[in-house]
Amino acid sequence: RGAPENPPLCEEHLKFAQMVLKAGLACTLHDGEETESTAMCVERVAADLMGLTAAVAVALKRELKKQTISEDSEELLKQWCEFYSEELLPDTKKFCKKVTGKLDAYGLYLPSRIGANLSQDLLEKGLKLGSGADEEEEEEEKAVEEQSEEEDKSEEKNNEGGGKVEDADTSMAMGAQPSASTQDTDEYDEYEYDEYDDEYD
């Protein structure tokens, strides 16, 4: 027998499970709506949500216990784990706890526990699926950023060193050339001495 066309944890079933959960949570009893008929309807909804939660846990357990998980299914399996841990399981528990008191008045009792559950270790394994590639990309980006920062620092140091050399060359050049005012004074003094000597000759 070949693989089923729509395996339990396919993308289509994930959308349906999300719709069922949303619709079920909207079927709560408000004040003044408690009758035996409405209580029986809510009891049926609560039982369906508990059954859905247990079925998802069983399917996830079966997939996560496999030795190898194909890369193509990792992302979808991770989405199922996120839906189970963040929405399906906690919201179903809250709903059942909220309606239990109203159902008890009509002799309708919900199971105290959801049948199957998923261990924390397997759940964490599922939530981490597909994170290896993301971590590698983050490490590569971090390495590129660090290399770029080092190049920028090296360039800044080179620029600072070049500026100091230019300043030193400029200072040496200015020290070697006599100022214009000094040259003018020397020429003026030489002229006065020559004129003085001519008078006495």
Protein backbone atom coordinates (compact mmCIF):
# COMPACT_ATOMS: atom_id res chain seq x y z
CA ARG A 1 0.00 0.00 0.00
CA GLY A 2 1.24 3.47 -0.89
CA ALA A 3 1.37 6.49 1.40
CA PRO A 4 -1.99 8.23 1.97
CA GLU A 5 -2.68 11.27 -0.18
CA ASN A 6 -3.59 13.34 2.89
CA PRO A 7 -1.52 12.23 5.90
CA PRO A 8 -2.87 13.20 9.34
CA LEU A 9 -0.50 16.13 9.76
CA CYS A 10 -0.85 17.65 6.31
CA GLU A 11 -1.26 21.38 5.75
CA GLU A 12 -4.94 21.05 4.84
CA HIS A 13 -5.75 19.27 8.11
CA LEU A 14 -3.90 21.97 10.05
CA LYS A 15 -6.20 24.63 8.60
CA PHE A 16 -9.28 22.51 9.41
CA ALA A 17 -8.07 21.93 12.98
CA GLN A 18 -7.61 25.67 13.48
CA MET A 19 -11.13 26.31 12.16
CA VAL A 20 -12.64 23.63 14.42
CA LEU A 21 -10.90 25.07 17.46
CA LYS A 22 -12.05 28.61 16.70
CA ALA A 23 -15.65 27.50 16.13
CA GLY A 24 -15.66 25.32 19.25
CA LEU A 25 -14.39 28.11 21.51
CA ALA A 26 -17.26 30.32 20.31
CA CYS A 27 -19.84 27.79 21.60
CA THR A 28 -19.65 28.75 25.24
CA LEU A 29 -22.71 29.22 27.42
CA HIS A 30 -23.63 32.77 28.35
CA ASP A 31 -25.78 33.85 31.28
CA GLY A 32 -29.41 32.89 30.77
CA GLU A 33 -28.63 30.32 28.06
CA GLU A 34 -28.26 27.33 30.37
CA THR A 35 -30.81 24.67 29.46
CA GLU A 36 -30.49 20.93 29.19
CA SER A 37 -30.36 21.13 25.39
CA THR A 38 -27.70 23.82 25.23
CA ALA A 39 -25.71 22.06 27.93
CA MET A 40 -25.73 18.85 25.92
CA CYS A 41 -24.52 20.76 22.84
CA VAL A 42 -21.66 22.36 24.77
CA GLU A 43 -20.77 18.99 26.28
CA ARG A 44 -20.51 17.57 22.75
CA VAL A 45 -18.28 20.49 21.65
CA ALA A 46 -15.99 20.06 24.65
CA ALA A 47 -15.68 16.33 23.98
CA ASP A 48 -14.84 17.02 20.32
CA LEU A 49 -12.13 19.51 21.27
CA MET A 50 -10.62 17.05 23.73
CA GLY A 51 -10.73 14.33 21.06
CA LEU A 52 -9.04 16.63 18.53
CA THR A 53 -6.31 17.51 21.04
CA ALA A 54 -5.67 13.85 21.80
CA ALA A 55 -5.61 12.91 18.11
CA VAL A 56 -3.06 15.65 17.30
CA ALA A 57 -0.90 14.53 20.23
CA VAL A 58 -0.89 10.93 18.97
CA ALA A 59 0.01 11.98 15.42
CA LEU A 60 2.78 14.29 16.62
CA LYS A 61 4.19 11.61 18.90
CA ARG A 62 4.33 9.14 16.03
CA GLU A 63 6.11 11.59 13.72
CA LEU A 64 8.55 12.99 16.28
CA LYS A 65 9.66 9.53 17.41
CA LYS A 66 11.00 8.77 13.94
CA GLN A 67 14.76 8.50 13.66
CA THR A 68 14.88 10.78 10.63
CA ILE A 69 12.49 13.53 9.61
CA SER A 70 12.59 14.76 6.02
CA GLU A 71 13.56 18.39 5.54
CA ASP A 72 10.43 18.97 3.46
CA SER A 73 8.14 18.13 6.39
CA GLU A 74 10.13 19.84 9.16
CA GLU A 75 8.52 23.26 8.77
CA LEU A 76 4.98 21.87 8.63
CA LEU A 77 5.62 19.62 11.62
CA LYS A 78 6.94 22.60 13.54
CA GLN A 79 3.74 24.53 12.72
CA TRP A 80 1.68 21.64 14.10
CA CYS A 81 3.73 21.67 17.32
CA GLU A 82 3.26 25.43 17.69
CA PHE A 83 -0.49 25.10 17.11
CA TYR A 84 -0.74 22.26 19.62
CA SER A 85 1.31 23.93 22.37
CA GLU A 86 0.18 27.55 21.95
CA GLU A 87 -3.49 27.20 20.96
CA LEU A 88 -5.09 23.77 20.86
CA LEU A 89 -4.02 22.32 24.22
CA PRO A 90 -4.23 25.43 26.45
CA ASP A 91 -7.45 26.76 24.85
CA THR A 92 -9.17 23.36 25.11
CA LYS A 93 -8.25 23.09 28.79
CA LYS A 94 -9.57 26.60 29.50
CA PHE A 95 -12.82 25.90 27.64
CA CYS A 96 -13.46 22.65 29.50
CA LYS A 97 -12.70 24.25 32.85
CA LYS A 98 -15.05 27.14 32.07
CA VAL A 99 -18.07 25.00 31.15
CA THR A 100 -17.59 22.15 33.63
CA GLY A 101 -19.56 23.85 36.40
CA LYS A 102 -22.54 24.58 34.16
CA LEU A 103 -22.58 21.05 32.76
CA ASP A 104 -22.43 19.46 36.19
CA ALA A 105 -25.81 21.00 37.02
CA TYR A 106 -27.40 18.85 34.30
CA GLY A 107 -25.51 15.69 35.17
CA LEU A 108 -23.09 16.05 32.28
CA TYR A 109 -19.51 15.31 33.26
CA LEU A 110 -16.40 15.79 31.16
CA PRO A 111 -13.31 13.56 31.53
CA SER A 112 -10.87 14.97 34.06
CA ARG A 113 -7.96 14.53 31.65
CA ILE A 114 -7.41 14.65 27.91
CA GLY A 115 -6.66 11.11 26.73
CA ALA A 116 -3.29 11.19 24.96
CA ASN A 117 -0.68 13.82 25.56
CA LEU A 118 2.70 14.77 24.13
CA SER A 119 5.79 14.68 26.33
CA GLN A 120 7.69 17.91 26.86
CA ASP A 121 10.85 16.45 25.34
CA LEU A 122 9.12 15.51 22.09
CA LEU A 123 7.33 18.84 21.98
CA GLU A 124 10.60 20.75 22.34
CA LYS A 125 12.12 18.59 19.61
CA GLY A 126 9.27 19.54 17.29
CA LEU A 127 9.49 23.23 18.11
CA LYS A 128 13.18 23.23 17.24
CA LEU A 129 12.70 21.67 13.81
CA GLY A 130 14.08 23.76 10.97
CA SER A 131 16.06 25.98 13.33
CA GLY A 132 19.43 24.52 12.27
CA ALA A 133 19.43 26.29 8.91
CA ASP A 134 18.32 29.54 10.54
CA GLU A 135 21.14 29.33 13.08
CA GLU A 136 23.69 28.74 10.32
CA GLU A 137 22.43 31.78 8.42
CA GLU A 138 22.60 33.89 11.57
CA GLU A 139 26.18 32.76 12.24
CA GLU A 140 27.19 33.58 8.67
CA GLU A 141 25.62 37.03 8.88
CA LYS A 142 27.34 37.63 12.22
CA ALA A 143 30.72 36.61 10.78
CA VAL A 144 30.27 38.97 7.82
CA GLU A 145 29.34 41.84 10.15
CA GLU A 146 32.36 41.22 12.37
CA GLN A 147 34.68 41.11 9.36
CA SER A 148 33.19 44.37 8.05
CA GLU A 149 33.69 46.04 11.44
CA GLU A 150 37.32 44.91 11.56
CA GLU A 151 37.93 46.30 8.08
CA ASP A 152 36.37 49.62 9.05
CA LYS A 153 38.55 49.84 12.17
CA SER A 154 41.66 49.00 10.16
CA GLU A 155 40.80 51.66 7.61
CA GLU A 156 40.28 54.24 10.36
CA LYS A 157 43.67 53.43 11.87
CA ASN A 158 45.35 53.79 8.48
CA ASN A 159 43.66 57.13 7.95
CA GLU A 160 44.77 58.35 11.36
CA GLY A 161 48.37 57.26 10.70
CA GLY A 162 48.41 59.00 7.32
CA GLY A 163 47.12 62.21 8.85
CA LYS A 164 49.90 62.24 11.46
CA VAL A 165 52.58 61.77 8.79
CA GLU A 166 51.17 64.62 6.73
CA ASP A 167 51.11 66.89 9.78
CA ALA A 168 54.73 66.02 10.56
CA ASP A 169 55.83 66.73 6.97
CA THR A 170 54.03 70.04 7.01
CA SER A 171 55.68 71.03 10.29
CA MET A 172 59.15 70.15 8.98
CA ALA A 173 58.58 72.10 5.79
CA MET A 174 57.45 75.15 7.70
CA GLY A 175 60.48 74.95 9.99
CA ALA A 176 62.91 74.69 7.10
CA GLN A 177 61.65 77.74 5.17
CA PRO A 178 62.35 81.17 6.70
CA SER A 179 59.40 83.40 7.09
CA ALA A 180 58.83 86.24 4.66
CA SER A 181 59.08 88.85 7.42
CA THR A 182 62.54 87.59 8.43
CA GLN A 183 63.82 87.77 4.84
CA ASP A 184 62.56 91.34 4.44
CA THR A 185 64.27 92.42 7.70
CA ASP A 186 67.62 90.94 6.63
CA GLU A 187 67.51 92.71 3.28
CA TYR A 188 66.61 95.99 4.93
CA ASP A 189 69.49 95.72 7.44
CA GLU A 190 71.98 94.93 4.68
CA TYR A 191 70.88 97.96 2.72
CA GLU A 192 71.32 100.27 5.73
CA TYR A 193 74.85 99.04 6.44
CA ASP A 194 75.92 99.56 2.81
CA GLU A 195 74.58 103.09 2.82
CA TYR A 196 76.36 103.90 6.07
CA ASP A 197 79.70 102.64 4.71
CA ASP A 198 79.36 104.78 1.56
CA GLU A 199 78.92 107.94 3.60
CA TYR A 200 82.20 107.47 5.46
CA ASP A 201 84.13 106.52 2.35
